[in-house]
């Protein structure tokens, strides 16, 4: 049982870490992006991610902390 929890905690920490890094990079890149250079077909996706990036970053960070906390506890 403990090894299962330990493995699950590791996966949660990795997923949270990847999400945190990717959203932090997205937010940093979006500060320098020129919206006029983005194709019109991609603009709805860019706007959606721009709106939801902070929430995804928060959830990813929470998952990373949860996973690391579980790893420390097991």
PDB file of N, CA and C in Angstrom:
ATOM      1  N   UNK A   1       0.833  -1.200   0.000  1.00  0.00           N
ATOM      2  CA  UNK A   1       0.000   0.000   0.000  1.00  0.00           C
ATOM      3  C   UNK A   1       0.869   1.252   0.000  1.00  0.00           C
ATOM      4  N   UNK A   2       1.883   1.255   0.822  1.00  0.00           N
ATOM      5  CA  UNK A   2       2.735   2.436   0.946  1.00  0.00           C
ATOM      6  C   UNK A   2       3.473   2.736  -0.355  1.00  0.00           C
ATOM      7  N   UNK A   3       3.910   1.682  -1.056  1.00  0.00           N
ATOM      8  CA  UNK A   3       4.613   1.926  -2.317  1.00  0.00           C
ATOM      9  C   UNK A   3       3.665   2.479  -3.377  1.00  0.00           C
ATOM     10  N   UNK A   4       2.400   2.081  -3.326  1.00  0.00           N
ATOM     11  CA  UNK A   4       1.409   2.617  -4.265  1.00  0.00           C
ATOM     12  C   UNK A   4       1.180   4.095  -4.013  1.00  0.00           C
ATOM     13  N   UNK A   5       1.043   4.465  -2.748  1.00  0.00           N
ATOM     14  CA  UNK A   5       0.855   5.869  -2.389  1.00  0.00           C
ATOM     15  C   UNK A   5       2.092   6.676  -2.765  1.00  0.00           C
ATOM     16  N   UNK A   6       3.256   6.098  -2.531  1.00  0.00           N
ATOM     17  CA  UNK A   6       4.509   6.770  -2.857  1.00  0.00           C
ATOM     18  C   UNK A   6       4.608   7.005  -4.373  1.00  0.00           C
ATOM     19  N   UNK A   7       4.266   5.998  -5.169  1.00  0.00           N
ATOM     20  CA  UNK A   7       4.317   6.136  -6.627  1.00  0.00           C
ATOM     21  C   UNK A   7       3.290   7.163  -7.106  1.00  0.00           C
ATOM     22  N   UNK A   8       2.091   7.124  -6.550  1.00  0.00           N
ATOM     23  CA  UNK A   8       1.059   8.084  -6.917  1.00  0.00           C
ATOM     24  C   UNK A   8       1.480   9.504  -6.551  1.00  0.00           C
ATOM     25  N   UNK A   9       2.081   9.662  -5.385  1.00  0.00           N
ATOM     26  CA  UNK A   9       2.559  10.982  -4.958  1.00  0.00           C
ATOM     27  C   UNK A   9       3.635  11.495  -5.908  1.00  0.00           C
ATOM     28  N   UNK A  10       4.506  10.608  -6.362  1.00  0.00           N
ATOM     29  CA  UNK A  10       5.539  11.005  -7.318  1.00  0.00           C
ATOM     30  C   UNK A  10       4.946  11.474  -8.636  1.00  0.00           C
ATOM     31  N   UNK A  11       3.942  10.752  -9.123  1.00  0.00           N
ATOM     32  CA  UNK A  11       3.281  11.145 -10.368  1.00  0.00           C
ATOM     33  C   UNK A  11       2.558  12.487 -10.211  1.00  0.00           C
ATOM     34  N   UNK A  12       1.904  12.684  -9.094  1.00  0.00           N
ATOM     35  CA  UNK A  12       1.207  13.947  -8.846  1.00  0.00           C
ATOM     36  C   UNK A  12       2.203  15.101  -8.808  1.00  0.00           C
ATOM     37  N   UNK A  13       3.329  14.885  -8.144  1.00  0.00           N
ATOM     38  CA  UNK A  13       4.354  15.935  -8.053  1.00  0.00           C
ATOM     39  C   UNK A  13       4.922  16.268  -9.432  1.00  0.00           C
ATOM     40  N   UNK A  14       5.157  15.252 -10.248  1.00  0.00           N
ATOM     41  CA  UNK A  14       5.709  15.483 -11.591  1.00  0.00           C
ATOM     42  C   UNK A  14       4.706  16.224 -12.466  1.00  0.00           C
ATOM     43  N   UNK A  15       3.449  15.795 -12.440  1.00  0.00           N
ATOM     44  CA  UNK A  15       2.420  16.467 -13.239  1.00  0.00           C
ATOM     45  C   UNK A  15       2.263  17.919 -12.788  1.00  0.00           C
ATOM     46  N   UNK A  16       2.236  18.139 -11.493  1.00  0.00           N
ATOM     47  CA  UNK A  16       2.123  19.498 -10.978  1.00  0.00           C
ATOM     48  C   UNK A  16       3.326  20.346 -11.345  1.00  0.00           C
ATOM     49  N   UNK A  17       4.502  19.768 -11.269  1.00  0.00           N
ATOM     50  CA  UNK A  17       5.717  20.506 -11.633  1.00  0.00           C
ATOM     51  C   UNK A  17       5.748  20.870 -13.107  1.00  0.00           C
ATOM     52  N   UNK A  18       5.373  19.922 -13.965  1.00  0.00           N
ATOM     53  CA  UNK A  18       5.341  20.205 -15.400  1.00  0.00           C
ATOM     54  C   UNK A  18       4.309  21.279 -15.731  1.00  0.00           C
ATOM     55  N   UNK A  19       3.149  21.199 -15.103  1.00  0.00           N
ATOM     56  CA  UNK A  19       2.128  22.213 -15.332  1.00  0.00           C
ATOM     57  C   UNK A  19       2.567  23.580 -14.858  1.00  0.00           C
ATOM     58  N   UNK A  20       3.231  23.612 -13.709  1.00  0.00           N
ATOM     59  CA  UNK A  20       3.704  24.881 -13.165  1.00  0.00           C
ATOM     60  C   UNK A  20       4.748  25.520 -14.077  1.00  0.00           C
ATOM     61  N   UNK A  21       5.701  24.728 -14.512  1.00  0.00           N
ATOM     62  CA  UNK A  21       6.761  25.252 -15.385  1.00  0.00           C
ATOM     63  C   UNK A  21       6.176  25.701 -16.728  1.00  0.00           C
ATOM     64  N   UNK A  22       5.313  24.886 -17.315  1.00  0.00           N
ATOM     65  CA  UNK A  22       4.779  25.244 -18.631  1.00  0.00           C
ATOM     66  C   UNK A  22       3.893  26.489 -18.559  1.00  0.00           C
ATOM     67  N   UNK A  23       3.093  26.631 -17.519  1.00  0.00           N
ATOM     68  CA  UNK A  23       2.240  27.820 -17.409  1.00  0.00           C
ATOM     69  C   UNK A  23       3.060  29.069 -17.067  1.00  0.00           C
ATOM     70  N   UNK A  24       4.116  28.905 -16.269  1.00  0.00           N
ATOM     71  CA  UNK A  24       4.980  30.051 -15.980  1.00  0.00           C
ATOM     72  C   UNK A  24       5.675  30.516 -17.259  1.00  0.00           C
ATOM     73  N   UNK A  25       6.136  29.563 -18.073  1.00  0.00           N
ATOM     74  CA  UNK A  25       6.747  29.922 -19.353  1.00  0.00           C
ATOM     75  C   UNK A  25       5.729  30.558 -20.292  1.00  0.00           C
ATOM     76  N   UNK A  26       4.513  30.038 -20.322  1.00  0.00           N
ATOM     77  CA  UNK A  26       3.471  30.615 -21.176  1.00  0.00           C
ATOM     78  C   UNK A  26       3.174  32.054 -20.772  1.00  0.00           C
ATOM     79  N   UNK A  27       3.032  32.280 -19.463  1.00  0.00           N
ATOM     80  CA  UNK A  27       2.728  33.630 -19.000  1.00  0.00           C
ATOM     81  C   UNK A  27       3.871  34.592 -19.318  1.00  0.00           C
ATOM     82  N   UNK A  28       5.112  34.129 -19.173  1.00  0.00           N
ATOM     83  CA  UNK A  28       6.256  34.978 -19.501  1.00  0.00           C
ATOM     84  C   UNK A  28       6.309  35.264 -21.004  1.00  0.00           C
ATOM     85  N   UNK A  29       6.039  34.249 -21.821  1.00  0.00           N
ATOM     86  CA  UNK A  29       6.073  34.442 -23.269  1.00  0.00           C
ATOM     87  C   UNK A  29       4.918  35.318 -23.744  1.00  0.00           C
ATOM     88  N   UNK A  30       3.770  35.208 -23.097  1.00  0.00           N
ATOM     89  CA  UNK A  30       2.614  35.983 -23.549  1.00  0.00           C
ATOM     90  C   UNK A  30       2.782  37.480 -23.274  1.00  0.00           C
ATOM     91  N   UNK A  31       3.675  37.820 -22.351  1.00  0.00           N
ATOM     92  CA  UNK A  31       3.946  39.234 -22.114  1.00  0.00           C
ATOM     93  C   UNK A  31       4.642  39.885 -23.311  1.00  0.00           C
ATOM     94  N   UNK A  32       5.401  39.089 -24.047  1.00  0.00           N
ATOM     95  CA  UNK A  32       6.163  39.614 -25.182  1.00  0.00           C
ATOM     96  C   UNK A  32       5.520  39.307 -26.533  1.00  0.00           C
ATOM     97  N   UNK A  33       4.409  38.585 -26.530  1.00  0.00           N
ATOM     98  CA  UNK A  33       3.789  38.172 -27.787  1.00  0.00           C
ATOM     99  C   UNK A  33       3.109  39.352 -28.476  1.00  0.00           C
ATOM    100  N   UNK A  34       3.245  39.380 -29.774  1.00  0.00           N
ATOM    101  CA  UNK A  34       2.558  40.375 -30.594  1.00  0.00           C
ATOM    102  C   UNK A  34       1.334  39.694 -31.205  1.00  0.00           C
ATOM    103  N   UNK A  35       0.144  40.053 -30.723  1.00  0.00           N
ATOM    104  CA  UNK A  35      -1.081  39.393 -31.158  1.00  0.00           C
ATOM    105  C   UNK A  35      -1.354  39.574 -32.650  1.00  0.00           C
ATOM    106  N   UNK A  36      -0.804  40.612 -33.242  1.00  0.00           N
ATOM    107  CA  UNK A  36      -1.007  40.830 -34.671  1.00  0.00           C
ATOM    108  C   UNK A  36      -0.261  39.803 -35.525  1.00  0.00           C
ATOM    109  N   UNK A  37       0.758  39.161 -34.957  1.00  0.00           N
ATOM    110  CA  UNK A  37       1.533  38.171 -35.703  1.00  0.00           C
ATOM    111  C   UNK A  37       0.966  36.760 -35.576  1.00  0.00           C
ATOM    112  N   UNK A  38       0.005  36.571 -34.690  1.00  0.00           N
ATOM    113  CA  UNK A  38      -0.591  35.253 -34.475  1.00  0.00           C
ATOM    114  C   UNK A  38      -1.694  35.043 -35.513  1.00  0.00           C
ATOM    115  N   UNK A  39      -1.711  33.882 -36.168  1.00  0.00           N
ATOM    116  CA  UNK A  39      -2.759  33.629 -37.167  1.00  0.00           C
ATOM    117  C   UNK A  39      -4.155  33.716 -36.553  1.00  0.00           C
ATOM    118  N   UNK A  40      -5.094  34.155 -37.349  1.00  0.00           N
ATOM    119  CA  UNK A  40      -6.467  34.344 -36.864  1.00  0.00           C
ATOM    120  C   UNK A  40      -7.083  33.038 -36.373  1.00  0.00           C
ATOM    121  N   UNK A  41      -6.679  31.920 -36.950  1.00  0.00           N
ATOM    122  CA  UNK A  41      -7.241  30.633 -36.524  1.00  0.00           C
ATOM    123  C   UNK A  41      -6.773  30.234 -35.131  1.00  0.00           C
ATOM    124  N   UNK A  42      -5.633  30.743 -34.695  1.00  0.00           N
ATOM    125  CA  UNK A  42      -5.105  30.401 -33.376  1.00  0.00           C
ATOM    126  C   UNK A  42      -5.522  31.383 -32.283  1.00  0.00           C
ATOM    127  N   UNK A  43      -6.052  32.528 -32.653  1.00  0.00           N
ATOM    128  CA  UNK A  43      -6.395  33.554 -31.664  1.00  0.00           C
ATOM    129  C   UNK A  43      -7.397  33.100 -30.607  1.00  0.00           C
ATOM    130  N   UNK A  44      -8.445  32.341 -30.948  1.00  0.00           N
ATOM    131  CA  UNK A  44      -9.345  31.889 -29.877  1.00  0.00           C
ATOM    132  C   UNK A  44      -8.639  31.048 -28.816  1.00  0.00           C
ATOM    133  N   UNK A  45      -7.716  30.181 -29.252  1.00  0.00           N
ATOM    134  CA  UNK A  45      -6.948  29.375 -28.293  1.00  0.00           C
ATOM    135  C   UNK A  45      -6.035  30.235 -27.436  1.00  0.00           C
ATOM    136  N   UNK A  46      -5.399  31.196 -28.065  1.00  0.00           N
ATOM    137  CA  UNK A  46      -4.502  32.102 -27.332  1.00  0.00           C
ATOM    138  C   UNK A  46      -5.296  32.885 -26.295  1.00  0.00           C
ATOM    139  N   UNK A  47      -6.459  33.371 -26.682  1.00  0.00           N
ATOM    140  CA  UNK A  47      -7.289  34.123 -25.729  1.00  0.00           C
ATOM    141  C   UNK A  47      -7.782  33.232 -24.596  1.00  0.00           C
ATOM    142  N   UNK A  48      -8.163  31.975 -24.928  1.00  0.00           N
ATOM    143  CA  UNK A  48      -8.625  31.053 -23.886  1.00  0.00           C
ATOM    144  C   UNK A  48      -7.515  30.784 -22.881  1.00  0.00           C
ATOM    145  N   UNK A  49      -6.322  30.463 -23.382  1.00  0.00           N
ATOM    146  CA  UNK A  49      -5.206  30.190 -22.477  1.00  0.00           C
ATOM    147  C   UNK A  49      -4.806  31.435 -21.692  1.00  0.00           C
ATOM    148  N   UNK A  50      -4.875  32.592 -22.309  1.00  0.00           N
ATOM    149  CA  UNK A  50      -4.551  33.826 -21.594  1.00  0.00           C
ATOM    150  C   UNK A  50      -5.520  34.052 -20.439  1.00  0.00           C
ATOM    151  N   UNK A  51      -6.783  33.707 -20.660  1.00  0.00           N
ATOM    152  CA  UNK A  51      -7.794  33.866 -19.610  1.00  0.00           C
ATOM    153  C   UNK A  51      -7.621  32.845 -18.496  1.00  0.00           C
ATOM    154  N   UNK A  52      -7.251  31.619 -18.838  1.00  0.00           N
ATOM    155  CA  UNK A  52      -7.227  30.530 -17.865  1.00  0.00           C
ATOM    156  C   UNK A  52      -5.838  30.161 -17.350  1.00  0.00           C
ATOM    157  N   UNK A  53      -4.803  30.811 -17.811  1.00  0.00           N
ATOM    158  CA  UNK A  53      -3.434  30.439 -17.429  1.00  0.00           C
ATOM    159  C   UNK A  53      -3.196  30.592 -15.930  1.00  0.00           C
ATOM    160  N   UNK A  54      -3.731  31.624 -15.320  1.00  0.00           N
ATOM    161  CA  UNK A  54      -3.516  31.818 -13.880  1.00  0.00           C
ATOM    162  C   UNK A  54      -4.165  30.708 -13.068  1.00  0.00           C
ATOM    163  N   UNK A  55      -5.364  30.290 -13.465  1.00  0.00           N
ATOM    164  CA  UNK A  55      -6.042  29.204 -12.755  1.00  0.00           C
ATOM    165  C   UNK A  55      -5.291  27.887 -12.925  1.00  0.00           C
ATOM    166  N   UNK A  56      -4.825  27.616 -14.140  1.00  0.00           N
ATOM    167  CA  UNK A  56      -4.063  26.386 -14.388  1.00  0.00           C
ATOM    168  C   UNK A  56      -2.750  26.412 -13.615  1.00  0.00           C
ATOM    169  N   UNK A  57      -2.110  27.562 -13.559  1.00  0.00           N
ATOM    170  CA  UNK A  57      -0.877  27.704 -12.796  1.00  0.00           C
ATOM    171  C   UNK A  57      -1.122  27.435 -11.311  1.00  0.00           C
ATOM    172  N   UNK A  58      -2.212  27.961 -10.775  1.00  0.00           N
ATOM    173  CA  UNK A  58      -2.539  27.756  -9.368  1.00  0.00           C
ATOM    174  C   UNK A  58      -2.813  26.284  -9.068  1.00  0.00           C
ATOM    175  N   UNK A  59      -3.601  25.636  -9.912  1.00  0.00           N
ATOM    176  CA  UNK A  59      -3.912  24.215  -9.705  1.00  0.00           C
ATOM    177  C   UNK A  59      -2.650  23.368  -9.847  1.00  0.00           C
ATOM    178  N   UNK A  60      -1.818  23.683 -10.815  1.00  0.00           N
ATOM    179  CA  UNK A  60      -0.575  22.932 -11.009  1.00  0.00           C
ATOM    180  C   UNK A  60       0.352  23.080  -9.810  1.00  0.00           C
ATOM    181  N   UNK A  61       0.460  24.280  -9.297  1.00  0.00           N
ATOM    182  CA  UNK A  61       1.297  24.507  -8.124  1.00  0.00           C
ATOM    183  C   UNK A  61       0.747  23.757  -6.913  1.00  0.00           C
ATOM    184  N   UNK A  62      -0.568  23.750  -6.766  1.00  0.00           N
ATOM    185  CA  UNK A  62      -1.183  23.005  -5.661  1.00  0.00           C
ATOM    186  C   UNK A  62      -0.923  21.503  -5.802  1.00  0.00           C
ATOM    187  N   UNK A  63      -0.995  20.979  -7.019  1.00  0.00           N
ATOM    188  CA  UNK A  63      -0.688  19.561  -7.236  1.00  0.00           C
ATOM    189  C   UNK A  63       0.765  19.250  -6.918  1.00  0.00           C
ATOM    190  N   UNK A  64       1.664  20.128  -7.315  1.00  0.00           N
ATOM    191  CA  UNK A  64       3.079  19.914  -7.023  1.00  0.00           C
ATOM    192  C   UNK A  64       3.324  19.894  -5.523  1.00  0.00           C
ATOM    193  N   UNK A  65       2.729  20.826  -4.802  1.00  0.00           N
ATOM    194  CA  UNK A  65       2.897  20.879  -3.347  1.00  0.00           C
ATOM    195  C   UNK A  65       2.272  19.649  -2.700  1.00  0.00           C
ATOM    196  N   UNK A  66       1.082  19.243  -3.164  1.00  0.00           N
ATOM    197  CA  UNK A  66       0.435  18.048  -2.626  1.00  0.00           C
ATOM    198  C   UNK A  66       1.289  16.813  -2.850  1.00  0.00           C
ATOM    199  N   UNK A  67       1.791  16.658  -4.067  1.00  0.00           N
ATOM    200  CA  UNK A  67       2.630  15.505  -4.369  1.00  0.00           C
ATOM    201  C   UNK A  67       3.895  15.477  -3.538  1.00  0.00           C
ATOM    202  N   UNK A  68       4.541  16.620  -3.394  1.00  0.00           N
ATOM    203  CA  UNK A  68       5.771  16.677  -2.582  1.00  0.00           C
ATOM    204  C   UNK A  68       5.477  16.418  -1.105  1.00  0.00           C
ATOM    205  N   UNK A  69       4.340  16.909  -0.640  1.00  0.00           N
ATOM    206  CA  UNK A  69       3.946  16.665   0.757  1.00  0.00           C
ATOM    207  C   UNK A  69       3.680  15.181   0.994  1.00  0.00           C
ATOM    208  N   UNK A  70       3.011  14.545   0.052  1.00  0.00           N
ATOM    209  CA  UNK A  70       2.760  13.106   0.175  1.00  0.00           C
ATOM    210  C   UNK A  70       4.054  12.317   0.106  1.00  0.00           C
ATOM    211  N   UNK A  71       4.972  12.752  -0.746  1.00  0.00           N
ATOM    212  CA  UNK A  71       6.268  12.067  -0.813  1.00  0.00           C
ATOM    213  C   UNK A  71       7.024  12.184   0.495  1.00  0.00           C
ATOM    214  N   UNK A  72       6.951  13.343   1.110  1.00  0.00           N
ATOM    215  CA  UNK A  72       7.638  13.528   2.382  1.00  0.00           C
ATOM    216  C   UNK A  72       6.990  12.718   3.506  1.00  0.00           C
ATOM    217  N   UNK A  73       5.673  12.505   3.390  1.00  0.00           N
ATOM    218  CA  UNK A  73       4.962  11.796   4.450  1.00  0.00           C
ATOM    219  C   UNK A  73       5.101  10.281   4.327  1.00  0.00           C
ATOM    220  N   UNK A  74       5.440   9.790   3.124  1.00  0.00           N
ATOM    221  CA  UNK A  74       5.525   8.326   2.963  1.00  0.00           C
ATOM    222  C   UNK A  74       6.941   7.844   3.035  1.00  0.00           C
TER     223      UNK A  74
END
